[in-house]
Amino acid sequence: MEATADSVRQEARDWIEQNFDPQLSLRAWLERLADSGWAQPRWPAEWYGRGLPPDLAALTYAEFNRVDAPGPPAGLGIMLAAPTIIANASDDLKRQFVRAVLVGDHAWCQLFSEPGAGSDLAGLQTRAERDGDEFVVNGQKVWTSGGPVADYGMLLARTDPDVPKHRGISYFAFPMNQPGVEVRPLIQMTGDSGFSEVFLSDARVPASAIIGQLNGGWAVALSTLSFERTSLGSETGLGFRLTAPGGSRFAEQQEASVGEFIADAKANARSFGIGGMAMTAGGITPLVRLARELGRDSDPVVRQELVRLYTLASANGWNGQRARAALRAGGRAGPEASLGKLMASRIGRQWRDTASLIAGPRGMLAGGDGPLGGRLASQALATPGPSIYGGSDQIQRNIVGERVLGLPREPDPSRTLPFRELKVGTQAPAAAEES
């Protein structure tokens, strides 16, 4: 029988009633949730999901949130690694990694960008050389989210420099906790260190850990980037409200009971999260309250900018619905993902500008006495980030121009030359030598 909104909602509700127990350890709860298929109901049924379309999956999350049931660990494992593995890896790797993400055994990071290979990701120079049943990896990665706590990394490395740059790359499930891996946090202007640079010196990865085919990593990377753009450019709030800690470094925290975890999460929760909320039409709510508190709610310019923010966020929500409809019809995320990613950075800038207009000079106060508890100032500093990470705005515009509008690609002779012959990154001659 075909699933309907009512049947899915009732099935989730019945399962929760029979299985949710605040006395369970958080670990035991995550295992029960993963094996039921409700942890990620959009995933295939054979790989710890229920094969539900996104709109029906959202209904199940609402049922779990109704009782504050914690979901699996948030982060790149759920968002990128597991979907990529499900779509591209061998069954052995799926068995090794998919459930481990859901129960919090493994935290993941993304080892893609390099100092000389950001927008031109296919120009990466980290190399992996075969040594028996392993590859020896040397190189440097940068802008790595979650690097200090990751157990595994989604590693792109060059395994054949004698073919064109897109064809000699392999994609590895790379173990981070080993000699030869050095993670250095990068301090951002917000004071946070959400990113790191990673140095790889004779580190090792099993040949069996290749996701996809040897030298076929570019196609796998494109699927990861598609998942990333879809996630970064979509509406938030469709998943679990509370998510458990994940990764080997947080194993001890999973020994607490579910009830203790929920109580602690509520005690430490903020009244709202600006970064995620700004993406949705609900992001206008704290700014309307702030405008009223500061007597700016009757200012026609303030009102106009608030409506502009609401309009942009609503339009992005409809774009997300269109993407989900395409997925339900058996397609893949297409231009909607890039449009959503572009809109995400546009909405973030609109939120910042509107908030700054309302708050005036007060908006620079980052302490607890600042507007929105100082979070307005921190969000203003963080706003440029979304236009860069996950594929810059310029990259997204190129994708839309080429794949939607049918504009010709820019000439790129490097696509047909062996990588070894390219003058990219550290292979390029130094400025002094050129002069």
Protein backbone atom coordinates (compact mmCIF):
# COMPACT_ATOMS: atom_id res chain seq x y z
CA MET A 1 0.00 0.00 0.00
CA GLU A 2 1.31 3.43 -0.92
CA ALA A 3 2.38 5.56 2.01
CA THR A 4 0.29 8.63 2.74
CA ALA A 5 0.81 11.53 5.12
CA ASP A 6 -1.67 10.10 7.59
CA SER A 7 -0.31 6.55 7.46
CA VAL A 8 3.32 7.64 7.84
CA ARG A 9 2.50 9.98 10.69
CA GLN A 10 0.55 7.27 12.49
CA GLU A 11 3.26 4.66 11.95
CA ALA A 12 5.92 6.96 13.39
CA ARG A 13 3.68 7.86 16.32
CA ASP A 14 3.00 4.19 17.10
CA TRP A 15 6.70 3.31 16.93
CA ILE A 16 7.62 6.17 19.26
CA GLU A 17 4.96 5.13 21.75
CA GLN A 18 6.30 1.58 21.84
CA ASN A 19 10.04 2.36 21.79
CA PHE A 20 10.87 5.80 23.16
CA ASP A 21 12.22 5.46 26.69
CA PRO A 22 13.99 8.37 28.45
CA GLN A 23 15.65 5.82 30.77
CA LEU A 24 17.67 4.31 27.91
CA SER A 25 21.25 5.40 27.47
CA LEU A 26 21.68 7.77 24.58
CA ARG A 27 23.78 5.11 22.82
CA ALA A 28 21.08 2.45 23.20
CA TRP A 29 18.47 4.87 21.89
CA LEU A 30 20.55 5.74 18.81
CA GLU A 31 21.01 2.04 18.04
CA ARG A 32 17.29 1.39 18.37
CA LEU A 33 16.50 4.41 16.20
CA ALA A 34 19.02 3.48 13.50
CA ASP A 35 17.83 -0.12 13.21
CA SER A 36 14.21 1.00 12.92
CA GLY A 37 14.83 3.13 9.83
CA TRP A 38 13.41 6.25 11.47
CA ALA A 39 16.78 7.94 12.05
CA GLN A 40 16.96 8.95 8.37
CA PRO A 41 13.65 7.88 6.79
CA ARG A 42 14.63 9.31 3.39
CA TRP A 43 17.49 6.82 2.99
CA PRO A 44 16.90 3.49 1.21
CA ALA A 45 15.23 0.82 3.34
CA GLU A 46 18.15 -1.58 2.82
CA TRP A 47 20.54 1.00 4.31
CA TYR A 48 18.86 2.02 7.56
CA GLY A 49 16.12 4.18 6.08
CA ARG A 50 12.53 3.83 4.97
CA GLY A 51 12.72 5.16 1.43
CA LEU A 52 10.29 8.00 2.15
CA PRO A 53 10.13 11.15 0.02
CA PRO A 54 11.29 14.35 1.76
CA ASP A 55 7.80 15.70 2.45
CA LEU A 56 6.68 12.53 4.24
CA ALA A 57 10.00 12.26 6.07
CA ALA A 58 9.44 15.78 7.42
CA LEU A 59 6.19 14.59 8.99
CA THR A 60 8.03 11.86 10.88
CA TYR A 61 10.55 14.35 12.26
CA ALA A 62 7.66 16.40 13.61
CA GLU A 63 6.45 13.34 15.55
CA PHE A 64 9.87 12.75 17.12
CA ASN A 65 10.24 16.44 17.94
CA ARG A 66 6.86 16.38 19.66
CA VAL A 67 8.40 14.26 22.44
CA ASP A 68 11.89 15.83 22.17
CA ALA A 69 13.39 12.52 21.01
CA PRO A 70 17.07 13.02 20.05
CA GLY A 71 18.12 12.22 16.51
CA PRO A 72 21.44 10.94 15.16
CA PRO A 73 24.49 13.21 15.29
CA ALA A 74 24.32 16.23 13.01
CA GLY A 75 27.27 17.13 10.82
CA LEU A 76 29.03 16.04 7.66
CA GLY A 77 28.60 12.33 8.36
CA ILE A 78 24.82 12.56 8.02
CA MET A 79 24.80 15.41 5.50
CA LEU A 80 27.50 14.26 3.07
CA ALA A 81 29.50 11.13 3.89
CA ALA A 82 26.71 8.60 4.37
CA PRO A 83 24.63 9.77 1.36
CA THR A 84 27.76 9.66 -0.81
CA ILE A 85 28.64 6.17 0.41
CA ILE A 86 25.09 4.93 -0.13
CA ALA A 87 25.09 6.31 -3.68
CA ASN A 88 28.59 5.26 -4.75
CA ALA A 89 30.36 2.76 -2.48
CA SER A 90 30.57 -0.99 -2.32
CA ASP A 91 28.24 -2.88 -0.02
CA ASP A 92 31.21 -3.64 2.24
CA LEU A 93 31.87 0.06 2.78
CA LYS A 94 28.17 0.73 3.29
CA ARG A 95 28.07 -1.91 6.00
CA GLN A 96 31.19 -0.44 7.60
CA PHE A 97 30.18 3.19 7.67
CA VAL A 98 26.47 3.95 7.27
CA ARG A 99 25.18 2.59 10.59
CA ALA A 100 28.30 3.88 12.37
CA VAL A 101 27.32 7.42 11.38
CA LEU A 102 23.77 6.99 12.68
CA VAL A 103 24.79 5.58 16.07
CA GLY A 104 27.55 8.14 16.60
CA ASP A 105 30.62 5.92 16.23
CA HIS A 106 32.21 8.10 13.53
CA ALA A 107 32.39 11.84 12.95
CA TRP A 108 33.48 12.96 9.48
CA CYS A 109 35.22 15.90 7.84
CA GLN A 110 35.65 16.87 4.19
CA LEU A 111 39.20 16.83 2.79
CA PHE A 112 38.55 18.53 -0.55
CA SER A 113 39.87 22.11 -0.80
CA GLU A 114 43.57 22.93 -0.89
CA PRO A 115 45.54 26.20 -0.78
CA GLY A 116 45.96 25.99 -4.57
CA ALA A 117 42.73 24.15 -5.39
CA GLY A 118 39.57 25.80 -4.17
CA SER A 119 37.33 26.92 -7.00
CA ASP A 120 39.41 24.74 -9.33
CA LEU A 121 39.01 21.69 -7.14
CA ALA A 122 40.13 19.32 -9.91
CA GLY A 123 43.55 20.98 -9.72
CA LEU A 124 44.21 19.40 -6.31
CA GLN A 125 47.75 18.22 -5.67
CA THR A 126 47.46 15.95 -2.63
CA ARG A 127 48.78 12.65 -3.91
CA ALA A 128 48.09 9.06 -2.94
CA GLU A 129 50.66 6.51 -4.13
CA ARG A 130 50.06 2.77 -4.09
CA ASP A 131 52.05 0.67 -1.61
CA GLY A 132 50.72 -2.89 -1.61
CA ASP A 133 47.22 -2.94 -0.16
CA GLU A 134 47.46 0.68 0.94
CA PHE A 135 48.00 4.17 -0.43
CA VAL A 136 50.51 6.59 1.06
CA VAL A 137 49.08 10.12 1.18
CA ASN A 138 50.97 13.42 1.17
CA GLY A 139 49.56 16.92 0.82
CA GLN A 140 47.65 19.72 2.49
CA LYS A 141 43.95 20.46 2.83
CA VAL A 142 42.28 23.63 4.05
CA TRP A 143 38.85 24.93 5.17
CA THR A 144 38.19 21.58 6.80
CA SER A 145 35.08 21.70 8.99
CA GLY A 146 35.20 19.48 12.06
CA GLY A 147 38.79 18.41 11.47
CA PRO A 148 39.85 18.27 15.16
CA VAL A 149 37.09 15.82 16.13
CA ALA A 150 36.73 13.79 12.93
CA ASP A 151 37.36 10.04 12.86
CA TYR A 152 37.23 9.87 9.05
CA GLY A 153 37.63 12.28 6.19
CA MET A 154 36.17 12.33 2.70
CA LEU A 155 39.53 12.55 0.96
CA LEU A 156 40.16 13.51 -2.64
CA ALA A 157 43.70 12.66 -3.72
CA ARG A 158 45.51 12.38 -7.01
CA THR A 159 46.29 8.78 -7.89
CA ASP A 160 47.34 9.27 -11.53
CA PRO A 161 49.14 12.48 -12.59
CA ASP A 162 49.58 11.29 -16.18
CA VAL A 163 45.95 11.77 -17.22
CA PRO A 164 43.86 14.99 -17.39
CA LYS A 165 43.12 16.49 -14.00
CA HIS A 166 39.52 15.30 -13.67
CA ARG A 167 40.38 11.68 -14.47
CA GLY A 168 43.26 10.92 -12.08
CA ILE A 169 41.51 11.56 -8.75
CA SER A 170 40.33 8.93 -6.25
CA TYR A 171 37.90 9.35 -3.35
CA PHE A 172 38.84 7.67 -0.03
CA ALA A 173 37.23 7.05 3.33
CA PHE A 174 40.34 8.27 5.12
CA PRO A 175 41.11 7.45 8.81
CA MET A 176 42.06 10.66 10.63
CA ASN A 177 43.37 9.16 13.89
CA GLN A 178 46.82 8.06 12.73
CA PRO A 179 50.42 9.27 12.58
CA GLY A 180 51.08 11.67 9.74
CA VAL A 181 47.83 13.64 10.17
CA GLU A 182 48.18 17.10 11.70
CA VAL A 183 45.09 19.28 12.18
CA ARG A 184 45.57 23.00 12.84
CA PRO A 185 42.43 25.04 13.67
CA LEU A 186 41.95 28.33 11.79
CA ILE A 187 40.68 31.25 13.86
CA GLN A 188 38.00 33.24 12.03
CA MET A 189 37.11 36.89 12.57
CA THR A 190 34.13 35.78 14.67
CA GLY A 191 36.61 34.27 17.14
CA ASP A 192 35.41 30.76 16.29
CA SER A 193 37.53 28.03 14.74
CA GLY A 194 35.00 26.08 12.69
CA PHE A 195 37.61 25.34 10.03
CA SER A 196 41.06 23.78 10.07
CA GLU A 197 43.97 23.10 7.79
CA VAL A 198 45.14 19.50 7.61
CA PHE A 199 48.67 18.35 6.79
CA LEU A 200 49.14 14.80 5.52
CA SER A 201 52.65 13.36 5.73
CA ASP A 202 53.06 9.71 4.70
CA ALA A 203 49.62 8.96 6.10
CA ARG A 204 48.00 5.71 4.99
CA VAL A 205 44.61 4.58 3.75
CA PRO A 206 43.58 1.05 2.69
CA ALA A 207 42.97 0.49 -1.01
CA SER A 208 39.67 -1.11 0.05
CA ALA A 209 38.55 2.32 1.34
CA ILE A 210 38.16 3.79 -2.16
CA ILE A 211 34.60 5.03 -2.66
CA GLY A 212 33.68 4.40 -6.28
CA GLN A 213 36.41 3.46 -8.73
CA LEU A 214 40.16 4.02 -8.69
CA ASN A 215 40.77 7.31 -10.58
CA GLY A 216 36.99 7.80 -10.75
CA GLY A 217 36.75 10.06 -7.72
CA TRP A 218 35.65 13.17 -9.60
CA ALA A 219 32.21 11.72 -10.34
CA VAL A 220 31.86 10.72 -6.67
CA ALA A 221 32.97 14.21 -5.58
CA LEU A 222 30.25 15.74 -7.77
CA SER A 223 27.63 13.71 -5.94
CA THR A 224 29.00 14.94 -2.59
CA LEU A 225 28.93 18.54 -3.82
CA SER A 226 25.36 18.06 -4.98
CA PHE A 227 24.35 16.82 -1.51
CA GLU A 228 26.21 19.78 0.01
CA ARG A 229 24.55 22.42 -2.17
CA THR A 230 21.14 20.90 -1.62
CA SER A 231 21.67 20.94 2.16
CA LEU A 232 23.16 24.43 2.33
CA GLY A 233 20.55 25.88 0.00
CA SER A 234 17.45 24.26 1.50
CA GLU A 235 15.09 25.23 4.24
CA THR A 236 16.18 24.17 7.67
CA GLY A 237 14.02 22.80 10.44
CA LEU A 238 12.93 19.59 8.67
CA GLY A 239 15.04 17.26 10.82
CA PHE A 240 15.38 16.39 14.49
CA ARG A 241 15.31 19.36 16.84
CA LEU A 242 17.77 17.66 19.20
CA THR A 243 20.74 15.73 17.85
CA ALA A 244 23.13 13.51 19.79
CA PRO A 245 26.90 14.03 19.97
CA GLY A 246 28.83 11.86 17.52
CA GLY A 247 32.35 10.57 17.05
CA SER A 248 34.79 8.60 19.15
CA ARG A 249 35.74 11.66 21.19
CA PHE A 250 32.18 11.96 22.51
CA ALA A 251 31.59 8.28 23.33
CA GLU A 252 31.44 9.00 27.06
CA GLN A 253 28.64 11.53 26.59
CA GLN A 254 26.53 8.82 24.97
CA GLU A 255 26.45 6.91 28.25
CA ALA A 256 24.07 9.49 29.75
CA SER A 257 20.38 8.66 29.71
CA VAL A 258 18.14 10.11 27.06
CA GLY A 259 16.22 11.98 29.74
CA GLU A 260 19.40 13.56 31.11
CA PHE A 261 20.50 14.54 27.61
CA ILE A 262 17.14 16.21 26.86
CA ALA A 263 17.14 18.13 30.15
CA ASP A 264 20.71 19.34 29.62
CA ALA A 265 19.99 20.35 26.01
CA LYS A 266 16.97 22.39 27.07
CA ALA A 267 18.87 24.06 29.88
CA ASN A 268 21.61 25.20 27.51
CA ALA A 269 19.46 25.98 24.48
CA ARG A 270 19.31 29.48 23.08
CA SER A 271 15.95 31.05 22.44
CA PHE A 272 16.58 30.84 18.71
CA GLY A 273 19.38 30.10 16.31
CA ILE A 274 19.94 33.05 13.99
CA GLY A 275 22.07 31.31 11.39
CA GLY A 276 19.56 28.59 10.55
CA MET A 277 16.45 30.63 11.16
CA ALA A 278 17.60 33.37 8.76
CA MET A 279 17.22 30.84 5.95
CA THR A 280 13.48 30.48 6.47
CA ALA A 281 10.57 32.89 6.47
CA GLY A 282 10.58 32.48 10.26
CA GLY A 283 13.89 34.33 10.35
CA ILE A 284 11.99 37.60 10.29
CA THR A 285 10.46 36.97 13.73
CA PRO A 286 13.40 38.02 15.97
CA LEU A 287 13.95 41.12 13.82
CA VAL A 288 10.32 42.18 14.10
CA ARG A 289 10.59 41.83 17.87
CA LEU A 290 13.82 43.82 17.88
CA ALA A 291 12.25 46.57 15.77
CA ARG A 292 9.38 46.86 18.24
CA GLU A 293 11.72 46.92 21.23
CA LEU A 294 13.78 49.74 19.68
CA GLY A 295 10.80 51.70 18.34
CA ARG A 296 11.77 51.12 14.70
CA ASP A 297 8.70 49.11 13.66
CA SER A 298 6.95 52.14 12.14
CA ASP A 299 9.94 53.20 10.04
CA PRO A 300 8.90 52.64 6.37
CA VAL A 301 12.43 51.65 5.30
CA VAL A 302 12.71 49.10 8.10
CA ARG A 303 9.31 47.66 7.19
CA GLN A 304 10.30 47.46 3.53
CA GLU A 305 13.51 45.58 4.30
CA LEU A 306 11.68 43.17 6.61
CA VAL A 307 9.24 42.37 3.83
CA ARG A 308 12.14 41.94 1.41
CA LEU A 309 13.72 39.40 3.77
CA TYR A 310 10.44 37.54 4.13
CA THR A 311 9.98 37.49 0.35
CA LEU A 312 13.45 36.13 -0.35
CA ALA A 313 13.14 33.42 2.29
CA SER A 314 9.69 32.42 1.07
CA ALA A 315 10.88 32.21 -2.54
CA ASN A 316 13.77 30.03 -1.44
CA GLY A 317 11.34 27.79 0.40
CA TRP A 318 9.31 27.32 -2.79
CA ASN A 319 12.52 26.55 -4.67
CA GLY A 320 13.23 23.87 -2.08
CA GLN A 321 9.78 22.40 -2.59
CA ARG A 322 10.46 22.23 -6.32
CA ALA A 323 13.73 20.38 -5.67
CA ARG A 324 11.98 17.92 -3.36
CA ALA A 325 9.28 17.35 -5.97
CA ALA A 326 11.97 16.51 -8.53
CA LEU A 327 13.49 13.99 -6.13
CA ARG A 328 10.09 12.40 -5.47
CA ALA A 329 9.63 12.01 -9.21
CA GLY A 330 12.84 10.01 -9.39
CA GLY A 331 15.11 12.81 -10.58
CA ARG A 332 18.14 14.46 -9.01
CA ALA A 333 18.72 17.88 -7.54
CA GLY A 334 19.50 20.07 -10.54
CA PRO A 335 19.66 23.84 -10.86
CA GLU A 336 17.48 24.14 -7.76
CA ALA A 337 20.48 23.20 -5.62
CA SER A 338 22.66 25.97 -7.04
CA LEU A 339 19.80 28.46 -6.95
CA GLY A 340 19.16 27.54 -3.32
CA LYS A 341 22.84 27.93 -2.46
CA LEU A 342 22.89 31.37 -4.10
CA MET A 343 19.73 32.35 -2.25
CA ALA A 344 21.18 31.20 1.06
CA SER A 345 24.02 33.70 0.86
CA ARG A 346 21.66 36.40 -0.46
CA ILE A 347 19.24 35.84 2.42
CA GLY A 348 22.10 35.92 4.91
CA ARG A 349 23.22 39.32 3.62
CA GLN A 350 19.65 40.62 3.69
CA TRP A 351 19.23 39.43 7.28
CA ARG A 352 22.47 41.15 8.30
CA ASP A 353 21.63 44.40 6.54
CA THR A 354 18.10 44.50 7.92
CA ALA A 355 19.26 43.72 11.44
CA SER A 356 21.96 46.40 11.23
CA LEU A 357 19.43 48.93 9.94
CA ILE A 358 17.16 48.22 12.89
CA ALA A 359 19.86 48.16 15.56
CA GLY A 360 22.05 50.99 14.30
CA PRO A 361 25.35 51.42 16.17
CA ARG A 362 24.11 49.03 18.87
CA GLY A 363 24.55 46.22 16.37
CA MET A 364 28.33 46.30 16.91
CA LEU A 365 27.95 45.19 20.55
CA ALA A 366 28.95 41.53 20.71
CA GLY A 367 28.45 41.02 24.44
CA GLY A 368 25.33 39.92 26.24
CA ASP A 369 24.09 43.51 26.36
CA GLY A 370 24.09 43.76 22.56
CA PRO A 371 21.00 43.29 20.36
CA LEU A 372 19.73 39.70 20.39
CA GLY A 373 22.17 38.91 23.17
CA GLY A 374 25.15 39.92 21.02
CA ARG A 375 24.32 37.38 18.35
CA LEU A 376 23.49 40.08 15.83
CA ALA A 377 27.14 41.15 15.81
CA SER A 378 28.46 37.61 15.49
CA GLN A 379 26.02 36.84 12.68
CA ALA A 380 27.09 39.99 10.83
CA LEU A 381 30.71 38.83 10.96
CA ALA A 382 29.76 35.33 9.82
CA THR A 383 27.60 36.46 6.90
CA PRO A 384 30.31 36.42 4.17
CA GLY A 385 30.97 32.73 4.81
CA PRO A 386 28.02 31.16 2.93
CA SER A 387 28.95 33.01 -0.25
CA ILE A 388 32.31 31.17 -0.20
CA TYR A 389 32.00 27.74 1.39
CA GLY A 390 30.21 24.87 -0.31
CA GLY A 391 30.99 26.37 -3.72
CA SER A 392 31.26 30.14 -4.07
CA ASP A 393 28.50 32.33 -5.50
CA GLN A 394 30.55 32.71 -8.68
CA ILE A 395 30.72 28.91 -9.09
CA GLN A 396 26.96 28.63 -8.62
CA ARG A 397 26.35 31.32 -11.23
CA ASN A 398 28.58 29.45 -13.67
CA ILE A 399 26.57 26.28 -13.06
CA VAL A 400 23.28 28.07 -13.62
CA GLY A 401 24.63 29.81 -16.72
CA GLU A 402 25.91 26.61 -18.29
CA ARG A 403 23.35 24.04 -17.18
CA VAL A 404 20.18 26.14 -17.08
CA LEU A 405 20.71 28.97 -19.56
CA GLY A 406 22.79 26.92 -21.97
CA LEU A 407 25.68 29.36 -22.10
CA PRO A 408 28.99 27.97 -23.43
CA ARG A 409 31.68 26.86 -21.01
CA GLU A 410 34.72 29.05 -20.60
CA PRO A 411 37.69 27.72 -22.60
CA ASP A 412 39.82 25.43 -20.45
CA PRO A 413 42.74 23.76 -22.24
CA SER A 414 43.78 22.13 -18.97
CA ARG A 415 40.88 19.68 -19.20
CA THR A 416 42.71 17.67 -21.87
CA LEU A 417 46.34 17.95 -20.72
CA PRO A 418 47.99 15.42 -18.39
CA PHE A 419 47.93 16.86 -14.88
CA ARG A 420 51.71 16.56 -14.58
CA GLU A 421 52.09 19.20 -17.32
CA LEU A 422 49.78 21.78 -15.74
CA LYS A 423 51.14 24.91 -14.07
CA VAL A 424 48.75 24.90 -11.13
CA GLY A 425 49.19 25.43 -7.40
CA THR A 426 52.76 24.76 -6.33
CA GLN A 427 53.54 23.48 -9.82
CA ALA A 428 53.18 27.03 -11.11
CA PRO A 429 56.43 29.00 -11.41
CA ALA A 430 57.06 31.52 -8.65
CA ALA A 431 56.43 35.18 -9.42
CA ALA A 432 60.10 35.97 -9.00
CA GLU A 433 61.08 33.32 -11.49
CA GLU A 434 58.54 34.61 -14.00
CA SER A 435 59.92 38.11 -13.77
